[in-house]
N, C-alpha and C. Protein backbone atom coordinates (compact mmCIF):
# COMPACT_ATOMS: atom_id res chain seq x y z
N MET A 1 40.57 32.39 5.55
CA MET A 1 41.43 33.24 6.79
C MET A 1 42.65 32.21 6.87
N SER A 2 43.65 32.45 6.45
CA SER A 2 44.92 31.32 7.43
C SER A 2 44.90 31.41 8.87
N PRO A 3 45.20 30.30 9.13
CA PRO A 3 45.21 29.79 10.77
C PRO A 3 46.17 30.71 11.66
N PHE A 4 47.08 31.43 10.65
CA PHE A 4 48.14 32.01 11.64
C PHE A 4 48.14 33.67 10.91
N ALA A 5 46.74 33.89 10.53
CA ALA A 5 46.65 35.25 10.68
C ALA A 5 46.04 36.15 11.61
N GLN A 6 46.41 37.37 12.12
CA GLN A 6 46.00 37.84 13.15
C GLN A 6 45.05 38.68 12.77
N PRO A 7 43.85 38.98 14.02
CA PRO A 7 43.04 39.37 13.86
C PRO A 7 43.27 40.88 13.34
N ALA A 8 42.09 41.64 13.07
CA ALA A 8 42.16 42.75 12.98
C ALA A 8 42.76 43.87 14.15
N ASN A 9 42.47 43.49 15.00
CA ASN A 9 42.91 44.29 16.17
C ASN A 9 44.38 43.54 16.92
N GLY A 10 44.70 42.82 16.39
CA GLY A 10 45.70 41.89 16.72
C GLY A 10 46.94 42.89 17.22
N GLY A 11 47.66 42.06 17.67
CA GLY A 11 49.27 42.36 18.43
C GLY A 11 50.18 43.52 17.54
N ALA A 12 50.00 43.07 16.49
CA ALA A 12 50.88 43.45 15.50
C ALA A 12 50.71 45.39 15.47
N ASP A 13 49.81 46.01 15.41
CA ASP A 13 49.89 47.40 15.73
C ASP A 13 49.48 47.55 17.10
N ARG A 14 49.97 47.08 18.11
CA ARG A 14 50.32 47.31 19.58
C ARG A 14 51.41 47.87 19.70
N PRO A 15 51.61 49.32 20.70
CA PRO A 15 53.21 49.64 20.74
C PRO A 15 53.74 48.41 21.62
N ALA A 16 54.95 48.64 21.34
CA ALA A 16 55.73 48.09 22.53
C ALA A 16 55.46 48.11 24.08
N GLY A 17 55.63 46.93 24.64
CA GLY A 17 55.40 46.66 26.23
C GLY A 17 53.94 47.11 26.15
N HIS A 18 53.20 47.10 25.99
CA HIS A 18 51.57 47.43 25.97
C HIS A 18 50.99 45.97 26.53
N ALA A 19 50.66 46.05 27.86
CA ALA A 19 50.26 44.75 28.84
C ALA A 19 48.59 45.20 28.29
N GLY A 20 47.99 45.85 27.79
CA GLY A 20 46.64 45.64 27.28
C GLY A 20 46.05 45.55 29.04
N HIS A 21 44.37 45.13 28.24
CA HIS A 21 43.57 45.20 29.67
C HIS A 21 43.58 43.47 29.90
N ALA A 22 42.97 43.08 31.13
CA ALA A 22 42.64 41.94 31.30
C ALA A 22 41.67 41.20 30.45
N GLY A 23 40.46 41.99 30.01
CA GLY A 23 39.69 41.11 29.35
C GLY A 23 39.61 40.93 27.80
N ASP A 24 40.47 41.63 27.50
CA ASP A 24 40.77 41.57 26.10
C ASP A 24 41.42 40.00 25.93
N ALA A 25 40.89 39.41 24.66
CA ALA A 25 40.63 37.95 24.56
C ALA A 25 42.04 37.56 23.96
N GLY A 26 42.86 38.35 23.39
CA GLY A 26 44.62 38.55 23.12
C GLY A 26 45.58 38.38 24.08
N ASP A 27 44.79 39.11 25.15
CA ASP A 27 46.24 39.52 26.33
C ASP A 27 45.57 38.12 27.45
N ALA A 28 44.59 37.24 27.56
CA ALA A 28 44.77 36.67 28.62
C ALA A 28 45.95 35.35 27.70
N GLY A 29 46.12 35.37 26.22
CA GLY A 29 47.59 34.27 26.03
C GLY A 29 48.94 35.25 26.27
N ASN A 30 48.59 36.10 26.28
CA ASN A 30 49.59 37.00 26.54
C ASN A 30 50.04 36.96 28.08
N ILE A 31 49.37 37.37 29.05
CA ILE A 31 49.44 37.15 30.58
C ILE A 31 50.34 35.56 30.42
N GLU A 32 49.21 34.35 30.20
CA GLU A 32 50.24 33.37 30.63
C GLU A 32 51.53 33.01 30.32
N TYR A 33 51.68 33.60 28.59
CA TYR A 33 53.10 33.78 28.29
C TYR A 33 54.27 34.40 29.10
N ARG A 34 53.85 35.55 29.58
CA ARG A 34 54.34 36.32 30.71
C ARG A 34 54.88 35.49 31.77
N VAL A 35 53.83 35.00 32.31
CA VAL A 35 54.09 34.20 33.36
C VAL A 35 55.30 33.08 33.39
N ALA A 36 54.94 32.38 31.88
CA ALA A 36 55.61 30.98 31.87
C ALA A 36 57.25 31.79 32.13
N HIS A 37 57.20 32.91 30.91
CA HIS A 37 58.78 33.17 30.91
C HIS A 37 59.52 34.02 32.05
N LEU A 38 58.44 34.22 33.20
CA LEU A 38 58.77 34.42 34.43
C LEU A 38 59.27 33.63 35.59
N HIS A 39 58.89 32.42 35.03
CA HIS A 39 58.97 31.02 35.99
C HIS A 39 60.77 30.67 35.14
N ASP A 40 60.67 30.74 33.85
CA ASP A 40 61.63 30.33 33.46
C ASP A 40 63.08 31.36 34.16
N ARG A 41 62.51 32.57 34.46
CA ARG A 41 63.83 33.70 34.29
C ARG A 41 64.29 33.26 35.69
N LEU A 42 63.20 33.02 36.91
CA LEU A 42 63.11 32.47 37.94
C LEU A 42 64.34 31.03 38.32
N ALA A 43 63.97 30.14 37.32
CA ALA A 43 64.89 29.12 37.65
C ALA A 43 65.86 29.17 36.81
N ALA A 44 66.34 30.21 36.13
CA ALA A 44 67.39 29.70 35.53
C ALA A 44 68.64 31.06 35.77
N GLU A 45 67.54 32.28 36.56
CA GLU A 45 69.10 32.92 36.63
C GLU A 45 69.14 33.16 37.96
N GLU A 46 70.36 34.20 38.71
CA GLU A 46 70.70 33.95 40.10
C GLU A 46 70.11 33.36 40.94
N LEU A 47 68.59 33.20 41.45
CA LEU A 47 67.71 32.98 42.19
C LEU A 47 67.99 31.56 42.03
N ALA A 48 67.76 30.71 41.06
CA ALA A 48 67.74 29.76 40.83
C ALA A 48 66.26 28.89 41.67
N GLU A 49 65.22 29.86 41.96
CA GLU A 49 64.22 29.63 42.84
C GLU A 49 63.38 28.76 42.12
N LEU A 50 62.90 27.56 42.52
CA LEU A 50 61.56 27.09 41.82
C LEU A 50 60.54 26.96 42.94
N GLY A 51 60.67 27.17 44.19
CA GLY A 51 59.64 26.69 45.37
C GLY A 51 58.39 28.25 45.38
N VAL A 52 58.84 28.95 43.73
CA VAL A 52 58.03 29.91 43.83
C VAL A 52 56.75 29.93 42.64
N ARG A 53 55.42 30.46 43.34
CA ARG A 53 54.67 30.33 41.94
C ARG A 53 53.90 31.36 41.90
N ALA A 54 53.47 31.29 40.26
CA ALA A 54 52.81 32.83 40.07
C ALA A 54 52.05 32.18 39.00
N GLU A 55 50.83 32.41 39.41
CA GLU A 55 49.39 32.15 38.65
C GLU A 55 48.33 33.15 38.16
N VAL A 56 47.73 32.84 37.27
CA VAL A 56 46.91 33.99 37.09
C VAL A 56 45.36 34.11 37.72
N ARG A 57 44.76 35.10 38.22
CA ARG A 57 43.67 35.25 38.79
C ARG A 57 42.95 35.90 38.67
N ALA A 58 41.73 35.59 37.42
CA ALA A 58 40.95 37.02 37.78
C ALA A 58 41.62 38.14 37.02
N GLY A 59 42.22 37.99 36.02
CA GLY A 59 43.20 38.99 35.48
C GLY A 59 44.23 39.55 35.76
N SER A 60 44.58 38.85 37.46
CA SER A 60 45.71 39.74 37.89
C SER A 60 47.02 38.35 38.21
N VAL A 61 47.90 38.57 38.15
CA VAL A 61 49.28 37.40 38.62
C VAL A 61 49.25 37.40 40.19
N VAL A 62 49.08 36.29 40.95
CA VAL A 62 49.85 36.07 42.16
C VAL A 62 50.54 35.20 42.46
N VAL A 63 51.75 36.31 42.92
CA VAL A 63 52.98 35.10 43.52
C VAL A 63 53.12 34.95 44.63
N THR A 64 53.24 33.44 44.98
CA THR A 64 53.38 33.11 46.18
C THR A 64 54.70 32.22 46.43
N GLY A 65 55.46 31.95 47.72
CA GLY A 65 56.00 31.01 48.24
C GLY A 65 57.14 31.63 49.01
N THR A 66 58.01 30.55 49.32
CA THR A 66 58.70 31.08 50.30
C THR A 66 60.69 30.81 50.00
N VAL A 67 61.31 32.00 50.14
CA VAL A 67 62.42 31.99 49.74
C VAL A 67 63.23 32.01 50.88
N PRO A 68 64.87 31.78 51.13
CA PRO A 68 65.64 31.47 52.35
C PRO A 68 66.24 32.77 52.87
N SER A 69 66.41 33.96 52.45
CA SER A 69 66.68 35.33 52.56
C SER A 69 66.03 36.50 52.09
N ALA A 70 66.14 37.54 53.04
CA ALA A 70 65.42 38.72 52.68
C ALA A 70 65.86 39.53 51.55
N GLU A 71 67.29 39.15 51.05
CA GLU A 71 67.69 39.78 49.59
C GLU A 71 67.33 39.19 48.59
N CYS A 72 67.16 37.42 48.89
CA CYS A 72 66.47 36.62 47.78
C CYS A 72 65.02 37.13 47.31
N ARG A 73 64.26 37.60 48.70
CA ARG A 73 63.11 38.42 48.34
C ARG A 73 62.97 39.35 47.73
N GLU A 74 64.07 40.48 47.80
CA GLU A 74 64.01 41.64 47.28
C GLU A 74 64.30 41.16 45.70
N THR A 75 65.28 40.48 45.29
CA THR A 75 65.59 40.16 44.34
C THR A 75 64.46 39.49 43.37
N LEU A 76 63.95 38.68 44.10
CA LEU A 76 62.44 38.03 43.62
C LEU A 76 61.56 39.11 43.10
N LEU A 77 61.39 40.05 43.93
CA LEU A 77 60.18 41.30 43.60
C LEU A 77 60.67 42.02 42.45
N ARG A 78 61.93 42.28 42.76
CA ARG A 78 62.54 43.14 41.38
C ARG A 78 62.56 42.36 39.82
N THR A 79 62.97 41.32 40.19
CA THR A 79 62.31 40.00 38.64
C THR A 79 60.85 40.39 38.87
N VAL A 80 60.17 39.91 39.34
CA VAL A 80 58.62 40.12 38.64
C VAL A 80 58.20 41.25 38.38
N HIS A 81 58.39 42.54 38.99
CA HIS A 81 57.89 43.42 38.56
C HIS A 81 58.57 43.95 36.96
N GLU A 82 59.64 43.58 36.67
CA GLU A 82 60.84 43.96 35.39
C GLU A 82 59.79 42.75 34.64
N GLU A 83 59.29 41.76 34.87
CA GLU A 83 58.70 41.09 34.17
C GLU A 83 57.10 40.98 33.67
N LEU A 84 56.91 41.53 34.44
CA LEU A 84 55.08 41.71 34.38
C LEU A 84 54.88 43.04 34.91
N ALA A 85 55.69 44.23 34.53
CA ALA A 85 55.38 45.47 34.48
C ALA A 85 54.04 45.73 33.31
N GLY A 86 53.11 46.18 33.92
CA GLY A 86 52.10 46.65 33.55
C GLY A 86 50.55 46.12 33.79
N LEU A 87 50.88 44.87 34.87
CA LEU A 87 49.94 43.97 35.06
C LEU A 87 49.62 44.04 36.75
N ALA A 88 48.57 44.02 36.92
CA ALA A 88 48.49 43.69 38.15
C ALA A 88 49.08 42.78 38.85
N VAL A 89 50.03 42.43 39.69
CA VAL A 89 50.46 41.92 40.50
C VAL A 89 50.30 41.77 42.00
N HIS A 90 50.01 40.71 42.76
CA HIS A 90 49.46 40.62 44.32
C HIS A 90 50.46 39.55 44.35
N THR A 91 52.08 39.77 45.84
CA THR A 91 52.66 39.32 45.96
C THR A 91 52.52 38.82 47.57
N ASP A 92 52.92 37.65 47.64
CA ASP A 92 52.39 36.84 48.97
C ASP A 92 53.75 35.94 49.26
N VAL A 93 55.15 36.34 49.28
CA VAL A 93 56.39 35.80 49.45
C VAL A 93 57.05 36.04 50.46
N GLN A 94 57.30 34.73 51.31
CA GLN A 94 57.67 34.66 52.87
C GLN A 94 58.98 34.36 52.88
N VAL A 95 60.06 34.97 53.56
CA VAL A 95 60.95 34.62 53.99
C VAL A 95 61.39 33.56 55.17
N ALA A 96 61.88 32.43 54.87
CA ALA A 96 62.10 31.16 55.76
C ALA A 96 63.11 31.51 56.90
N GLU A 97 62.43 30.83 58.01
CA GLU A 97 63.34 31.49 59.14
C GLU A 97 64.35 30.21 59.44
N THR A 98 65.80 30.22 58.93
CA THR A 98 66.83 29.17 58.97
C THR A 98 67.62 29.57 60.16
N ALA A 99 67.60 30.77 60.98
CA ALA A 99 68.39 30.78 62.06
C ALA A 99 68.05 29.78 63.06
N SER A 100 69.25 29.27 63.73
CA SER A 100 69.18 28.36 64.85
C SER A 100 68.40 28.77 66.12
N PRO A 101 67.77 27.98 66.71
CA PRO A 101 66.76 28.88 68.28
C PRO A 101 67.65 28.95 68.86
N ASP A 102 66.77 30.51 69.23
CA ASP A 102 68.21 30.80 70.55
C ASP A 102 67.41 30.59 72.07
N HIS A 103 66.84 29.30 72.16
CA HIS A 103 66.06 28.73 73.57
C HIS A 103 65.88 27.44 73.31
N ALA A 104 65.71 26.59 74.34
CA ALA A 104 65.46 25.37 74.24
C ALA A 104 63.77 25.21 74.15
N GLU A 105 63.44 24.27 73.73
CA GLU A 105 62.04 24.20 73.32
C GLU A 105 61.27 23.41 74.91
N ASP A 106 60.38 23.87 75.67
CA ASP A 106 59.74 23.26 76.43
C ASP A 106 58.95 22.44 76.70
N LEU A 107 58.99 21.05 76.37
CA LEU A 107 57.51 20.12 76.19
C LEU A 107 56.86 20.08 77.73
N PRO A 108 55.75 19.95 77.48
CA PRO A 108 54.73 19.57 78.92
C PRO A 108 54.83 18.41 79.38
């Protein structure tokens, strides 16, 4: 068998956009590839967001980090859902508070 041959149930006969099941041997690499592509999109597109992490954990993807505004968070979440459609995705993305304080801090 050639090192480049696909297994009998490999990706060539899968429908386009098929995300598969986390337990499938070939899909673990597919999930990692899709997460890497997501990182590329986040760094290169309008967000230029490098402070967000996406990791594969127990067959799902966990996206964590902090963004500067609610608009950035919405754009980030839209990009994540576009790129990882069909996968279980858990997000914990916070919006950084960048407004100046509205009162003086009282120190003891």
